[in-house]
Protein backbone atom coordinates (compact mmCIF):
# COMPACT_ATOMS: atom_id res chain seq x y z
CA MET A 1 -144.89 -32.90 -23.86
CA GLN A 2 -148.23 -32.85 -21.54
CA PHE A 3 -151.23 -34.99 -21.57
CA VAL A 4 -154.20 -32.32 -21.97
CA SER A 5 -157.35 -34.54 -22.62
CA VAL A 6 -159.18 -37.88 -24.17
CA ARG A 7 -161.72 -36.85 -27.09
CA ILE A 8 -164.64 -39.12 -27.77
CA ILE A 9 -165.95 -38.94 -30.98
CA THR A 10 -169.31 -39.11 -31.30
CA HIS A 11 -173.11 -39.34 -33.96
CA ASP A 12 -174.28 -36.83 -30.92
CA VAL A 13 -172.34 -34.26 -29.60
CA ALA A 14 -175.42 -32.17 -27.94
CA ARG A 15 -176.55 -35.82 -26.00
CA LEU A 16 -173.05 -36.79 -24.98
CA ALA A 17 -172.41 -33.67 -23.90
CA GLU A 18 -175.37 -33.01 -21.52
CA PHE A 19 -174.54 -36.77 -19.95
CA TYR A 20 -171.12 -35.78 -18.91
CA GLU A 21 -172.47 -32.35 -17.25
CA GLN A 22 -174.83 -34.42 -15.91
CA VAL A 23 -172.21 -37.33 -14.56
CA THR A 24 -169.25 -34.69 -14.00
CA GLY A 25 -170.85 -31.96 -12.43
CA LEU A 26 -169.04 -29.60 -14.68
CA GLU A 27 -170.79 -27.77 -17.41
CA ALA A 28 -169.36 -28.43 -21.04
CA ARG A 29 -168.16 -25.32 -23.32
CA ARG A 30 -169.25 -25.98 -27.17
CA PRO A 31 -167.63 -23.72 -29.30
CA ALA A 32 -169.00 -25.09 -31.94
CA GLU A 33 -171.52 -28.11 -32.51
CA GLN A 34 -169.77 -30.28 -33.49
CA PHE A 35 -167.49 -30.00 -30.05
CA ALA A 36 -167.82 -29.91 -26.61
CA GLU A 37 -165.28 -29.83 -23.88
CA LEU A 38 -165.79 -30.35 -20.12
CA VAL A 39 -162.73 -28.73 -18.22
CA GLY A 40 -161.94 -30.62 -15.27
CA PRO A 41 -159.11 -29.86 -12.58
CA SER A 42 -156.69 -32.85 -13.73
CA CYS A 43 -157.64 -33.30 -17.43
CA THR A 44 -160.06 -31.97 -20.34
CA LEU A 45 -163.04 -34.61 -21.72
CA ALA A 46 -163.61 -33.25 -25.19
CA ILE A 47 -166.75 -34.76 -27.57
CA GLY A 48 -166.17 -33.97 -31.17
CA SER A 49 -168.59 -35.03 -33.99
CA ALA A 50 -167.73 -38.20 -36.45
CA LYS A 51 -168.43 -35.42 -39.16
CA THR A 52 -165.03 -33.89 -38.09
CA THR A 53 -163.12 -37.21 -38.33
CA THR A 54 -162.80 -40.61 -40.46
CA ALA A 55 -160.10 -41.61 -38.48
CA ALA A 56 -162.33 -43.01 -35.39
CA VAL A 57 -165.56 -45.24 -35.36
CA PRO A 58 -168.61 -43.92 -33.12
CA GLU A 59 -169.72 -45.95 -30.65
CA SER A 60 -167.02 -49.06 -31.19
CA ASN A 61 -164.74 -48.89 -27.98
CA ARG A 62 -163.90 -51.68 -26.64
CA THR A 63 -160.82 -51.23 -24.77
CA ALA A 64 -160.23 -47.57 -23.27
CA ILE A 65 -162.05 -47.00 -19.97
CA LEU A 66 -162.75 -42.97 -19.12
CA GLU A 67 -161.20 -42.97 -14.76
CA PHE A 68 -162.66 -40.30 -12.32
CA ARG A 69 -161.31 -39.92 -9.08
CA VAL A 70 -164.34 -39.43 -7.10
CA GLU A 71 -164.28 -38.63 -3.04
CA ASP A 72 -167.32 -41.86 -2.76
CA VAL A 73 -167.62 -44.53 -4.97
CA ASP A 74 -170.83 -45.74 -3.15
CA ARG A 75 -172.43 -42.20 -2.76
CA GLU A 76 -172.13 -41.75 -6.73
CA TYR A 77 -173.57 -45.11 -7.15
CA GLU A 78 -176.84 -43.56 -5.52
CA ARG A 79 -176.52 -40.67 -7.30
CA LEU A 80 -175.98 -42.53 -11.34
CA ALA A 81 -178.99 -45.19 -10.10
CA GLY A 82 -181.30 -44.34 -13.68
CA LEU A 83 -179.16 -41.94 -15.27
CA ALA A 84 -176.05 -44.12 -16.42
CA GLU A 85 -176.15 -48.37 -17.56
CA ILE A 86 -174.20 -49.47 -14.40
CA VAL A 87 -171.53 -52.30 -15.83
CA GLN A 88 -170.08 -53.08 -12.25
CA LYS A 89 -171.72 -52.29 -8.86
CA PRO A 90 -169.23 -50.38 -6.39
CA THR A 91 -166.74 -52.89 -5.39
CA THR A 92 -162.97 -53.61 -4.10
CA MET A 93 -160.47 -53.99 -6.49
CA PRO A 94 -157.45 -56.28 -5.34
CA TRP A 95 -154.84 -53.31 -5.39
CA GLY A 96 -157.49 -51.60 -2.85
CA ASN A 97 -159.17 -49.03 -5.06
CA ARG A 98 -163.44 -49.33 -4.52
CA SER A 99 -164.22 -48.74 -8.21
CA LEU A 100 -168.11 -48.57 -9.97
CA LEU A 101 -168.17 -49.54 -13.90
CA PHE A 102 -170.99 -47.59 -15.93
CA ARG A 103 -171.73 -47.19 -19.75
CA ASP A 104 -172.10 -43.56 -21.61
CA PRO A 105 -174.77 -43.41 -24.14
CA ASP A 106 -172.22 -44.41 -26.83
CA GLY A 107 -171.42 -47.66 -24.82
CA ASN A 108 -167.72 -46.24 -23.50
CA LEU A 109 -166.77 -47.60 -19.93
CA VAL A 110 -166.28 -45.46 -17.30
CA ASN A 111 -164.81 -45.81 -13.73
CA TYR A 112 -165.59 -43.49 -10.97
CA PHE A 113 -163.16 -44.54 -8.29
CA SER A 114 -161.99 -43.94 -4.75
CA PRO A 115 -158.10 -44.97 -4.24
CA SER A 116 -157.44 -47.08 -0.85
CA ALA A 117 -155.93 -44.90 2.24
CA PRO A 118 -152.53 -44.87 2.47
């Protein structure tokens, strides 16, 4: 088994894909109006329309956090100001990682983190 992607279901694929293009610097592939994907070096973030499934409820995530490893959390915080709703300013977590939490336009939590030094 190989874990390859996470898919977010939304009412507005274009809006969410554009947001993730801005925050990740990746260009979304859009093979259909109701689907987009941002392919990174380690995983794919897929974005699907609510019209494609009734099994998921858009804008209702209260448990999952999408996590992206970045080089400099504090620099990303400055870049994201005004682009995303910041939930937690850059903080050093008890296990040593530097972390920044923000929300995407659908309210999903996103964590940018930098691991502690080895």
